[in-house]
């Protein structure tokens, strides 16, 4: 076998192994729940926020449980990647529903409520990520583990900021679209 063929085979094997290791950030049950509310923006966004918060809860649990000390940094890294995926999914849904292109009249109203919930939840998420960053910079034990997840934490913070900015922008646009009160 010539060296070119060997190289191609090696690349294919490595890419196959890397692809096989790719985890799905959603459980099968979460995927099913989202599928059931595809055309209901308020319910869909609430579910995405719930799943996103569950990743932050899992990070807190991993950090608090001494039994999970082995490999904790890598586990937090994976949970932060899942968090980032879900925040991107929230943002994609906001973009999809913005303007009411895919929504009926009642769904547009529900979408407005959901926007407020997204902003509130993402503000909470931001505070929790800020706490994680602070601990990673100040606590000696966390600082050691943080080497495994600092890049993922930065990505999560950046994506969250982008999503929060988008939700606030869309919320502002929705407020401007509301008809003024009836003239007297």
Protein backbone atom coordinates (compact mmCIF):
# COMPACT_ATOMS: atom_id res chain seq x y z
CA UNK A 1 0.00 0.00 0.00
CA UNK A 2 1.39 3.40 -0.87
CA UNK A 3 1.61 6.19 1.70
CA UNK A 4 -1.30 8.15 0.21
CA UNK A 5 -3.69 5.23 0.63
CA UNK A 6 -2.46 4.69 4.20
CA UNK A 7 -3.02 8.34 4.98
CA UNK A 8 -6.55 8.27 3.56
CA UNK A 9 -7.40 5.16 5.56
CA UNK A 10 -6.00 6.72 8.74
CA UNK A 11 -8.02 9.91 8.20
CA UNK A 12 -11.19 7.90 7.64
CA UNK A 13 -10.61 5.81 10.75
CA UNK A 14 -9.90 8.84 12.93
CA UNK A 15 -12.94 10.70 11.62
CA UNK A 16 -15.14 7.63 12.16
CA UNK A 17 -13.96 7.27 15.75
CA UNK A 18 -14.44 11.00 16.38
CA UNK A 19 -17.94 10.87 14.90
CA UNK A 20 -18.84 7.83 17.01
CA UNK A 21 -17.84 9.69 20.18
CA UNK A 22 -20.11 12.65 19.47
CA UNK A 23 -22.73 12.82 22.18
CA UNK A 24 -26.24 14.07 21.72
CA UNK A 25 -26.79 16.93 24.18
CA UNK A 26 -30.45 15.93 24.53
CA UNK A 27 -31.75 12.73 26.02
CA UNK A 28 -34.24 10.70 24.00
CA UNK A 29 -37.01 11.80 26.39
CA UNK A 30 -36.09 15.48 25.94
CA UNK A 31 -36.07 15.09 22.17
CA UNK A 32 -39.53 13.51 22.28
CA UNK A 33 -40.87 16.30 24.48
CA UNK A 34 -39.57 18.95 22.07
CA UNK A 35 -41.02 17.12 19.10
CA UNK A 36 -44.47 17.22 20.71
CA UNK A 37 -44.45 21.02 21.00
CA UNK A 38 -42.78 21.95 17.73
CA UNK A 39 -45.55 24.39 16.76
CA UNK A 40 -46.07 25.85 20.22
CA UNK A 41 -43.36 28.46 20.77
CA UNK A 42 -44.08 29.18 24.43
CA UNK A 43 -44.02 25.51 25.44
CA UNK A 44 -41.01 24.76 23.25
CA UNK A 45 -38.97 27.64 24.63
CA UNK A 46 -39.95 26.73 28.20
CA UNK A 47 -38.77 23.17 27.64
CA UNK A 48 -35.48 24.34 26.16
CA UNK A 49 -34.95 26.62 29.16
CA UNK A 50 -35.80 23.78 31.53
CA UNK A 51 -33.29 21.47 29.83
CA UNK A 52 -30.67 24.21 29.83
CA UNK A 53 -31.14 24.85 33.53
CA UNK A 54 -30.86 21.11 34.16
CA UNK A 55 -27.32 21.22 32.71
CA UNK A 56 -26.40 23.99 35.15
CA UNK A 57 -27.94 22.00 37.99
CA UNK A 58 -25.86 18.99 36.96
CA UNK A 59 -22.72 21.16 37.04
CA UNK A 60 -23.60 22.32 40.56
CA UNK A 61 -24.22 18.72 41.65
CA UNK A 62 -20.90 17.57 40.19
CA UNK A 63 -19.07 20.37 41.94
CA UNK A 64 -20.73 19.64 45.29
CA UNK A 65 -20.32 15.84 45.24
CA UNK A 66 -16.89 14.69 46.45
CA UNK A 67 -17.57 11.28 44.87
CA UNK A 68 -17.51 12.93 41.44
CA UNK A 69 -14.06 14.49 41.92
CA UNK A 70 -12.45 12.05 39.49
CA UNK A 71 -12.90 13.51 36.01
CA UNK A 72 -15.07 16.37 37.26
CA UNK A 73 -13.42 18.93 34.96
CA UNK A 74 -14.17 16.82 31.87
CA UNK A 75 -17.75 16.23 33.03
CA UNK A 76 -18.28 19.97 33.55
CA UNK A 77 -16.77 20.57 30.11
CA UNK A 78 -19.33 18.23 28.52
CA UNK A 79 -22.20 19.81 30.46
CA UNK A 80 -21.08 23.28 29.37
CA UNK A 81 -21.02 22.11 25.75
CA UNK A 82 -24.56 20.77 26.19
CA UNK A 83 -25.57 24.08 27.78
CA UNK A 84 -24.12 25.98 24.82
CA UNK A 85 -25.93 23.73 22.34
CA UNK A 86 -29.23 24.35 24.14
CA UNK A 87 -28.68 28.12 24.29
CA UNK A 88 -28.00 28.04 20.54
CA UNK A 89 -31.22 26.07 20.14
CA UNK A 90 -33.14 28.72 22.13
CA UNK A 91 -31.64 31.40 19.90
CA UNK A 92 -32.51 29.46 16.72
CA UNK A 93 -36.09 29.14 17.95
CA UNK A 94 -36.29 32.86 18.72
CA UNK A 95 -35.10 33.60 15.19
CA UNK A 96 -37.57 31.12 13.73
CA UNK A 97 -40.58 32.53 15.59
CA UNK A 98 -39.62 36.20 15.29
CA UNK A 99 -41.99 38.16 13.10
CA UNK A 100 -44.75 35.61 13.49
CA UNK A 101 -44.02 34.05 10.11
CA UNK A 102 -44.75 30.56 11.40
CA UNK A 103 -47.30 31.46 14.02
CA UNK A 104 -51.01 31.97 14.28
CA UNK A 105 -52.43 34.90 16.27
CA UNK A 106 -52.55 33.04 19.60
CA UNK A 107 -49.04 31.68 19.16
CA UNK A 108 -47.69 35.21 18.57
CA UNK A 109 -49.17 36.22 21.92
CA UNK A 110 -47.59 33.15 23.56
CA UNK A 111 -44.28 33.98 21.91
CA UNK A 112 -44.31 37.43 23.54
CA UNK A 113 -44.74 35.80 26.96
CA UNK A 114 -42.00 33.32 26.17
CA UNK A 115 -39.59 36.12 25.26
CA UNK A 116 -39.92 37.55 28.75
CA UNK A 117 -39.29 34.13 30.27
CA UNK A 118 -36.22 33.64 28.07
CA UNK A 119 -34.77 36.95 29.24
CA UNK A 120 -35.44 36.16 32.91
CA UNK A 121 -33.99 32.65 32.63
CA UNK A 122 -30.94 33.76 30.68
CA UNK A 123 -30.21 36.46 33.27
CA UNK A 124 -30.24 33.67 35.91
CA UNK A 125 -28.01 31.49 33.74
CA UNK A 126 -25.58 34.37 33.31
CA UNK A 127 -25.28 34.76 37.09
CA UNK A 128 -24.61 31.05 37.51
CA UNK A 129 -21.90 31.04 34.84
CA UNK A 130 -20.36 34.12 36.44
CA UNK A 131 -20.19 32.22 39.75
CA UNK A 132 -18.54 29.25 38.04
CA UNK A 133 -15.96 31.56 36.43
CA UNK A 134 -15.30 33.32 39.74
CA UNK A 135 -14.72 30.00 41.49
CA UNK A 136 -12.47 28.83 38.65
CA UNK A 137 -10.35 31.93 39.11
CA UNK A 138 -10.23 32.00 42.93
CA UNK A 139 -10.74 28.52 44.41
CA UNK A 140 -7.57 26.37 44.20
CA UNK A 141 -9.43 23.06 43.68
CA UNK A 142 -11.77 24.52 41.07
CA UNK A 143 -8.86 26.29 39.38
CA UNK A 144 -7.19 22.92 38.77
CA UNK A 145 -10.37 21.33 37.37
CA UNK A 146 -11.16 24.43 35.31
CA UNK A 147 -8.27 23.73 32.96
CA UNK A 148 -10.54 21.10 31.44
CA UNK A 149 -13.47 23.42 30.83
CA UNK A 150 -12.38 27.08 30.63
CA UNK A 151 -12.72 27.19 26.84
CA UNK A 152 -16.19 25.61 27.03
CA UNK A 153 -17.13 28.10 29.77
CA UNK A 154 -16.03 31.02 27.56
CA UNK A 155 -18.10 29.64 24.67
CA UNK A 156 -21.12 29.23 26.95
CA UNK A 157 -20.79 32.80 28.22
CA UNK A 158 -20.41 34.22 24.70
CA UNK A 159 -23.38 32.28 23.31
CA UNK A 160 -25.53 33.17 26.30
CA UNK A 161 -24.73 36.87 25.89
CA UNK A 162 -25.61 36.69 22.21
CA UNK A 163 -28.88 34.89 22.91
CA UNK A 164 -29.81 37.30 25.69
CA UNK A 165 -29.07 40.29 23.44
CA UNK A 166 -31.23 38.76 20.70
CA UNK A 167 -34.12 38.06 23.09
CA UNK A 168 -33.98 41.62 24.43
CA UNK A 169 -33.88 43.03 20.91
CA UNK A 170 -36.86 40.92 19.83
CA UNK A 171 -38.75 41.84 22.98
CA UNK A 172 -38.17 45.52 22.27
CA UNK A 173 -39.38 45.05 18.69
CA UNK A 174 -42.52 43.26 19.94
CA UNK A 175 -43.24 46.14 22.33
CA UNK A 176 -42.92 48.62 19.46
CA UNK A 177 -45.29 46.52 17.32
CA UNK A 178 -48.06 46.61 19.91
CA UNK A 179 -50.88 48.90 18.84
CA UNK A 180 -51.25 52.06 20.88
CA UNK A 181 -54.19 52.39 23.25
CA UNK A 182 -57.55 53.44 21.85
CA UNK A 183 -57.81 57.20 21.36
CA UNK A 184 -60.28 58.95 23.62
